[in-house]
Amino acid sequence: MNINEIGMGYPAWREAGKTKRNHTGTGFAGRIAGVAEGNYAGQAAQAVQEAGKTTAILHGAEEGSGDITIFSGAELASGSSYSVYKTAEFDPQYPVYKVKIWDKSGNVTERMVDVSKVDPKNCNTAEMYAYTADLKESGKGSFEDTVLKAAVAKAVKNAEQKSAGSWDFSEKTDWVKIARDIMQSAYRYGDLKGYAQWRKFLGFLE
């Protein structure tokens, strides 16, 4: 499944089991991050660029693993991709998610994230994606309000430090500050809808 005419800084993403058109961001944040739109279906989709550009793969769950894919995404700038899963042993009372991250060479890092131990003011990308996936799965917010906002926040962070390359998935940061900065920027640019959306996301983190 091809995604055409996407710049190298754009994240590609899909919510497992969905075949619909979504937006990774609106207004100010969407423009800053250069966020793409796309249609995705099936357990894995390949985001392909023309010659000289980046290829990334959206991964689903391995057959027979018992895992359920919650979210898959890819950063075309770095060629990396990531997926969040519920395992067969998942307990909603004590939510622990499996997060896998693939680099551009296909090497994979896997970790289990206990959501109760995640601090949004000091956590890495894998932890934040698990944290926001749980917000969605527990019914506290929609996909667009939770996981997708985290993906946009990381894209904005990447855009801010473009000269230094993509922000590493293992690097801890203050996601509350990132969300607040985007919210305040949206307000300054007159994007009141975006401001309200990021204020809602900030409420999930504080």
C-alpha atoms as a PDB file:
ATOM      1  CA  MET A   1       0.000   0.000   0.000  1.00  0.00           C
ATOM      2  CA  ASN A   2       1.698   3.189  -1.141  1.00  0.00           C
ATOM      3  CA  ILE A   3       1.701   6.638   0.397  1.00  0.00           C
ATOM      4  CA  ASN A   4       2.772   9.089  -2.257  1.00  0.00           C
ATOM      5  CA  GLU A   5       4.084  12.643  -2.147  1.00  0.00           C
ATOM      6  CA  ILE A   6       4.958  12.572   1.552  1.00  0.00           C
ATOM      7  CA  GLY A   7       7.919  14.650   2.698  1.00  0.00           C
ATOM      8  CA  MET A   8      10.687  12.929   4.610  1.00  0.00           C
ATOM      9  CA  GLY A   9       9.770  14.602   7.882  1.00  0.00           C
ATOM     10  CA  TYR A  10       6.239  13.229   7.890  1.00  0.00           C
ATOM     11  CA  PRO A  11       5.122  10.463  10.237  1.00  0.00           C
ATOM     12  CA  ALA A  12       2.910   7.748   8.763  1.00  0.00           C
ATOM     13  CA  TRP A  13       0.535   5.943  11.096  1.00  0.00           C
ATOM     14  CA  ARG A  14      -2.537   3.789  11.431  1.00  0.00           C
ATOM     15  CA  GLU A  15      -4.888   2.653  14.137  1.00  0.00           C
ATOM     16  CA  ALA A  16      -5.167  -1.125  14.010  1.00  0.00           C
ATOM     17  CA  GLY A  17      -8.340  -2.395  12.401  1.00  0.00           C
ATOM     18  CA  LYS A  18      -9.350   0.970  10.960  1.00  0.00           C
ATOM     19  CA  THR A  19      -9.731   1.860   7.289  1.00  0.00           C
ATOM     20  CA  LYS A  20     -10.623   5.506   7.285  1.00  0.00           C
ATOM     21  CA  ARG A  21      -9.116   8.893   6.607  1.00  0.00           C
ATOM     22  CA  ASN A  22      -7.701  10.591   9.687  1.00  0.00           C
ATOM     23  CA  HIS A  23      -5.566  13.633  10.490  1.00  0.00           C
ATOM     24  CA  THR A  24      -2.450  13.513  12.643  1.00  0.00           C
ATOM     25  CA  GLY A  25      -2.764  17.188  13.488  1.00  0.00           C
ATOM     26  CA  THR A  26      -4.725  20.314  12.812  1.00  0.00           C
ATOM     27  CA  GLY A  27      -3.889  23.964  12.455  1.00  0.00           C
ATOM     28  CA  PHE A  28      -0.587  25.186  13.820  1.00  0.00           C
ATOM     29  CA  ALA A  29       0.819  21.849  15.026  1.00  0.00           C
ATOM     30  CA  GLY A  30      -0.060  20.124  11.776  1.00  0.00           C
ATOM     31  CA  ARG A  31       1.732  22.791   9.744  1.00  0.00           C
ATOM     32  CA  ILE A  32       4.811  22.769  11.951  1.00  0.00           C
ATOM     33  CA  ALA A  33       5.190  18.997  11.959  1.00  0.00           C
ATOM     34  CA  GLY A  34       4.307  18.606   8.279  1.00  0.00           C
ATOM     35  CA  VAL A  35       1.975  15.810   9.273  1.00  0.00           C
ATOM     36  CA  ALA A  36       0.570  13.530   6.595  1.00  0.00           C
ATOM     37  CA  GLU A  37      -2.830  11.997   6.038  1.00  0.00           C
ATOM     38  CA  GLY A  38      -3.307   8.443   4.843  1.00  0.00           C
ATOM     39  CA  ASN A  39      -5.519   5.403   4.349  1.00  0.00           C
ATOM     40  CA  TYR A  40      -4.313   2.158   5.956  1.00  0.00           C
ATOM     41  CA  ALA A  41      -5.726  -1.354   6.121  1.00  0.00           C
ATOM     42  CA  GLY A  42      -4.566  -4.817   7.187  1.00  0.00           C
ATOM     43  CA  GLN A  43      -1.949  -5.760   9.748  1.00  0.00           C
ATOM     44  CA  ALA A  44       1.006  -4.200   7.953  1.00  0.00           C
ATOM     45  CA  ALA A  45       1.341  -1.442   5.378  1.00  0.00           C
ATOM     46  CA  GLN A  46       4.402  -0.167   3.585  1.00  0.00           C
ATOM     47  CA  ALA A  47       5.013   3.552   3.218  1.00  0.00           C
ATOM     48  CA  VAL A  48       7.079   3.993   0.071  1.00  0.00           C
ATOM     49  CA  GLN A  49       8.869   7.060  -1.246  1.00  0.00           C
ATOM     50  CA  GLU A  50      10.205   7.616  -4.741  1.00  0.00           C
ATOM     51  CA  ALA A  51      13.877   6.970  -5.542  1.00  0.00           C
ATOM     52  CA  GLY A  52      16.248   8.767  -3.192  1.00  0.00           C
ATOM     53  CA  LYS A  53      13.719   9.024  -0.380  1.00  0.00           C
ATOM     54  CA  THR A  54      12.957   6.934   2.690  1.00  0.00           C
ATOM     55  CA  THR A  55      11.032   3.671   3.026  1.00  0.00           C
ATOM     56  CA  ALA A  56       9.366   2.645   6.281  1.00  0.00           C
ATOM     57  CA  ILE A  57       7.094  -0.238   7.246  1.00  0.00           C
ATOM     58  CA  LEU A  58       4.096  -0.251   9.561  1.00  0.00           C
ATOM     59  CA  HIS A  59       4.216  -3.502  11.524  1.00  0.00           C
ATOM     60  CA  GLY A  60       1.301  -5.547  12.825  1.00  0.00           C
ATOM     61  CA  ALA A  61       1.367  -8.399  15.325  1.00  0.00           C
ATOM     62  CA  GLU A  62       3.263 -11.587  14.537  1.00  0.00           C
ATOM     63  CA  GLU A  63       0.970 -14.443  13.575  1.00  0.00           C
ATOM     64  CA  GLY A  64       0.379 -16.820  16.464  1.00  0.00           C
ATOM     65  CA  SER A  65       1.846 -14.466  19.066  1.00  0.00           C
ATOM     66  CA  GLY A  66      -1.493 -13.659  20.661  1.00  0.00           C
ATOM     67  CA  ASP A  67      -0.626  -9.956  20.525  1.00  0.00           C
ATOM     68  CA  ILE A  68      -3.212  -7.380  19.437  1.00  0.00           C
ATOM     69  CA  THR A  69      -1.937  -4.312  17.599  1.00  0.00           C
ATOM     70  CA  ILE A  70      -3.163  -1.056  19.120  1.00  0.00           C
ATOM     71  CA  PHE A  71      -1.145   1.390  17.035  1.00  0.00           C
ATOM     72  CA  SER A  72       1.564   1.333  14.377  1.00  0.00           C
ATOM     73  CA  GLY A  73       3.532   4.271  13.047  1.00  0.00           C
ATOM     74  CA  ALA A  74       6.626   5.165  11.077  1.00  0.00           C
ATOM     75  CA  GLU A  75       8.956   8.132  10.818  1.00  0.00           C
ATOM     76  CA  LEU A  76       9.934   8.567   7.205  1.00  0.00           C
ATOM     77  CA  ALA A  77      12.724  10.972   8.166  1.00  0.00           C
ATOM     78  CA  SER A  78      14.618   8.327  10.123  1.00  0.00           C
ATOM     79  CA  GLY A  79      13.223   5.173   8.526  1.00  0.00           C
ATOM     80  CA  SER A  80      12.191   3.922  11.956  1.00  0.00           C
ATOM     81  CA  SER A  81       8.823   2.422  12.845  1.00  0.00           C
ATOM     82  CA  TYR A  82       7.015   1.369  15.992  1.00  0.00           C
ATOM     83  CA  SER A  83       4.026  -0.618  17.214  1.00  0.00           C
ATOM     84  CA  VAL A  84       2.135  -0.884  20.498  1.00  0.00           C
ATOM     85  CA  TYR A  85       0.495  -4.195  21.410  1.00  0.00           C
ATOM     86  CA  LYS A  86      -1.707  -5.838  23.996  1.00  0.00           C
ATOM     87  CA  THR A  87      -0.323  -9.268  24.848  1.00  0.00           C
ATOM     88  CA  ALA A  88      -2.403 -12.368  25.534  1.00  0.00           C
ATOM     89  CA  GLU A  89      -1.763 -11.802  29.266  1.00  0.00           C
ATOM     90  CA  PHE A  90      -2.979  -8.192  29.226  1.00  0.00           C
ATOM     91  CA  ASP A  91      -4.926  -7.174  32.353  1.00  0.00           C
ATOM     92  CA  PRO A  92      -6.846  -3.872  32.082  1.00  0.00           C
ATOM     93  CA  GLN A  93      -6.630  -3.482  35.859  1.00  0.00           C
ATOM     94  CA  TYR A  94      -2.805  -3.504  35.667  1.00  0.00           C
ATOM     95  CA  PRO A  95      -2.095  -2.412  32.085  1.00  0.00           C
ATOM     96  CA  VAL A  96       1.277  -3.399  30.644  1.00  0.00           C
ATOM     97  CA  TYR A  97       1.843  -2.916  26.906  1.00  0.00           C
ATOM     98  CA  LYS A  98       4.451  -4.356  24.559  1.00  0.00           C
ATOM     99  CA  VAL A  99       6.219  -1.721  22.455  1.00  0.00           C
ATOM    100  CA  LYS A 100       8.480  -2.594  19.521  1.00  0.00           C
ATOM    101  CA  ILE A 101      10.695  -0.132  17.678  1.00  0.00           C
ATOM    102  CA  TRP A 102      12.464  -0.939  14.404  1.00  0.00           C
ATOM    103  CA  ASP A 103      15.395   1.129  13.103  1.00  0.00           C
ATOM    104  CA  LYS A 104      15.981   1.796   9.399  1.00  0.00           C
ATOM    105  CA  SER A 105      18.058  -1.403   9.143  1.00  0.00           C
ATOM    106  CA  GLY A 106      15.239  -3.524  10.532  1.00  0.00           C
ATOM    107  CA  ASN A 107      16.810  -4.087  13.944  1.00  0.00           C
ATOM    108  CA  VAL A 108      14.095  -4.286  16.581  1.00  0.00           C
ATOM    109  CA  THR A 109      14.018  -3.232  20.231  1.00  0.00           C
ATOM    110  CA  GLU A 110      11.230  -4.610  22.400  1.00  0.00           C
ATOM    111  CA  ARG A 111      10.129  -3.587  25.865  1.00  0.00           C
ATOM    112  CA  MET A 112       7.196  -4.014  28.200  1.00  0.00           C
ATOM    113  CA  VAL A 113       5.776  -0.763  29.606  1.00  0.00           C
ATOM    114  CA  ASP A 114       3.889  -0.682  32.894  1.00  0.00           C
ATOM    115  CA  VAL A 115       1.621   2.340  32.440  1.00  0.00           C
ATOM    116  CA  SER A 116       1.323   2.898  36.203  1.00  0.00           C
ATOM    117  CA  LYS A 117       5.035   3.723  36.310  1.00  0.00           C
ATOM    118  CA  VAL A 118       5.057   6.228  33.420  1.00  0.00           C
ATOM    119  CA  ASP A 119       5.656   9.877  34.317  1.00  0.00           C
ATOM    120  CA  PRO A 120       4.616  12.115  31.375  1.00  0.00           C
ATOM    121  CA  LYS A 121       7.039  14.776  32.642  1.00  0.00           C
ATOM    122  CA  ASN A 122       9.997  12.394  32.324  1.00  0.00           C
ATOM    123  CA  CYS A 123       9.547   9.483  29.946  1.00  0.00           C
ATOM    124  CA  ASN A 124      10.673   8.287  26.531  1.00  0.00           C
ATOM    125  CA  THR A 125       8.653   7.798  23.359  1.00  0.00           C
ATOM    126  CA  ALA A 126       7.946   4.087  23.925  1.00  0.00           C
ATOM    127  CA  GLU A 127       6.555   4.890  27.377  1.00  0.00           C
ATOM    128  CA  MET A 128       4.451   7.782  26.084  1.00  0.00           C
ATOM    129  CA  TYR A 129       2.959   5.719  23.252  1.00  0.00           C
ATOM    130  CA  ALA A 130       2.007   2.987  25.750  1.00  0.00           C
ATOM    131  CA  TYR A 131       0.600   5.594  28.148  1.00  0.00           C
ATOM    132  CA  THR A 132      -1.565   7.223  25.489  1.00  0.00           C
ATOM    133  CA  ALA A 133      -2.595   3.844  24.054  1.00  0.00           C
ATOM    134  CA  ASP A 134      -3.984   3.017  27.482  1.00  0.00           C
ATOM    135  CA  LEU A 135      -5.907   6.294  27.571  1.00  0.00           C
ATOM    136  CA  LYS A 136      -7.568   5.247  24.316  1.00  0.00           C
ATOM    137  CA  GLU A 137      -8.133   1.622  25.303  1.00  0.00           C
ATOM    138  CA  SER A 138      -9.663   2.593  28.659  1.00  0.00           C
ATOM    139  CA  GLY A 139     -12.117   4.910  26.884  1.00  0.00           C
ATOM    140  CA  LYS A 140     -10.751   8.150  28.308  1.00  0.00           C
ATOM    141  CA  GLY A 141     -10.120   9.644  24.872  1.00  0.00           C
ATOM    142  CA  SER A 142     -10.338   8.895  21.159  1.00  0.00           C
ATOM    143  CA  PHE A 143      -7.398   7.728  19.068  1.00  0.00           C
ATOM    144  CA  GLU A 144      -6.997  11.275  17.729  1.00  0.00           C
ATOM    145  CA  ASP A 145      -7.078  12.729  21.256  1.00  0.00           C
ATOM    146  CA  THR A 146      -4.435  10.395  22.685  1.00  0.00           C
ATOM    147  CA  VAL A 147      -1.906   8.295  20.736  1.00  0.00           C
ATOM    148  CA  LEU A 148      -2.096  10.452  17.648  1.00  0.00           C
ATOM    149  CA  LYS A 149      -1.427  13.612  19.647  1.00  0.00           C
ATOM    150  CA  ALA A 150       1.700  11.950  21.066  1.00  0.00           C
ATOM    151  CA  ALA A 151       2.867  11.124  17.525  1.00  0.00           C
ATOM    152  CA  VAL A 152       2.320  14.726  16.437  1.00  0.00           C
ATOM    153  CA  ALA A 153       4.140  16.001  19.544  1.00  0.00           C
ATOM    154  CA  LYS A 154       7.163  13.901  18.630  1.00  0.00           C
ATOM    155  CA  ALA A 155       7.012  15.118  15.016  1.00  0.00           C
ATOM    156  CA  VAL A 156       6.968  18.722  16.253  1.00  0.00           C
ATOM    157  CA  LYS A 157       9.946  17.957  18.504  1.00  0.00           C
ATOM    158  CA  ASN A 158      11.766  16.410  15.526  1.00  0.00           C
ATOM    159  CA  ALA A 159      11.012  19.491  13.400  1.00  0.00           C
ATOM    160  CA  GLU A 160      12.366  21.802  16.101  1.00  0.00           C
ATOM    161  CA  GLN A 161      15.720  20.039  16.165  1.00  0.00           C
ATOM    162  CA  LYS A 162      15.919  19.152  12.482  1.00  0.00           C
ATOM    163  CA  SER A 163      19.624  19.985  12.324  1.00  0.00           C
ATOM    164  CA  ALA A 164      20.301  17.419  15.062  1.00  0.00           C
ATOM    165  CA  GLY A 165      18.253  14.674  13.413  1.00  0.00           C
ATOM    166  CA  SER A 166      15.198  12.849  14.731  1.00  0.00           C
ATOM    167  CA  TRP A 167      14.726  12.757  18.467  1.00  0.00           C
ATOM    168  CA  ASP A 168      15.754   9.341  19.770  1.00  0.00           C
ATOM    169  CA  PHE A 169      13.006   6.971  20.955  1.00  0.00           C
ATOM    170  CA  SER A 170      14.901   6.153  24.161  1.00  0.00           C
ATOM    171  CA  GLU A 171      15.535   9.774  25.156  1.00  0.00           C
ATOM    172  CA  LYS A 172      13.425  10.923  28.105  1.00  0.00           C
ATOM    173  CA  THR A 173      11.717  14.289  27.936  1.00  0.00           C
ATOM    174  CA  ASP A 174       8.958  16.385  29.456  1.00  0.00           C
ATOM    175  CA  TRP A 175       5.896  15.677  27.301  1.00  0.00           C
ATOM    176  CA  VAL A 176       3.796  18.049  29.396  1.00  0.00           C
ATOM    177  CA  LYS A 177       6.069  20.912  28.356  1.00  0.00           C
ATOM    178  CA  ILE A 178       5.938  19.869  24.685  1.00  0.00           C
ATOM    179  CA  ALA A 179       2.129  19.744  24.729  1.00  0.00           C
ATOM    180  CA  ARG A 180       1.892  23.066  26.570  1.00  0.00           C
ATOM    181  CA  ASP A 181       4.270  24.758  24.111  1.00  0.00           C
ATOM    182  CA  ILE A 182       2.242  23.508  21.129  1.00  0.00           C
ATOM    183  CA  MET A 183      -1.009  24.598  22.801  1.00  0.00           C
ATOM    184  CA  GLN A 184       0.321  28.086  23.496  1.00  0.00           C
ATOM    185  CA  SER A 185       1.726  28.401  19.973  1.00  0.00           C
ATOM    186  CA  ALA A 186      -1.643  27.415  18.515  1.00  0.00           C
ATOM    187  CA  TYR A 187      -3.281  30.166  20.578  1.00  0.00           C
ATOM    188  CA  ARG A 188      -0.749  32.774  19.435  1.00  0.00           C
ATOM    189  CA  TYR A 189      -1.389  31.836  15.811  1.00  0.00           C
ATOM    190  CA  GLY A 190      -5.143  32.139  16.291  1.00  0.00           C
ATOM    191  CA  ASP A 191      -5.806  28.416  15.916  1.00  0.00           C
ATOM    192  CA  LEU A 192      -8.472  28.167  18.618  1.00  0.00           C
ATOM    193  CA  LYS A 193      -9.615  24.689  17.572  1.00  0.00           C
ATOM    194  CA  GLY A 194      -6.064  23.409  17.785  1.00  0.00           C
ATOM    195  CA  TYR A 195      -5.628  25.192  21.106  1.00  0.00           C
ATOM    196  CA  ALA A 196      -8.671  23.391  22.544  1.00  0.00           C
ATOM    197  CA  GLN A 197      -7.490  20.019  21.261  1.00  0.00           C
ATOM    198  CA  TRP A 198      -4.020  20.393  22.762  1.00  0.00           C
ATOM    199  CA  ARG A 199      -5.461  21.688  26.012  1.00  0.00           C
ATOM    200  CA  LYS A 200      -7.497  18.486  26.209  1.00  0.00           C
ATOM    201  CA  PHE A 201      -4.390  16.384  25.542  1.00  0.00           C
ATOM    202  CA  LEU A 202      -2.492  18.330  28.189  1.00  0.00           C
ATOM    203  CA  GLY A 203      -5.252  17.476  30.661  1.00  0.00           C
ATOM    204  CA  PHE A 204      -4.534  13.767  30.097  1.00  0.00           C
ATOM    205  CA  LEU A 205      -0.865  14.273  30.976  1.00  0.00           C
ATOM    206  CA  GLU A 206      -1.056  16.536  34.025  1.00  0.00           C
END
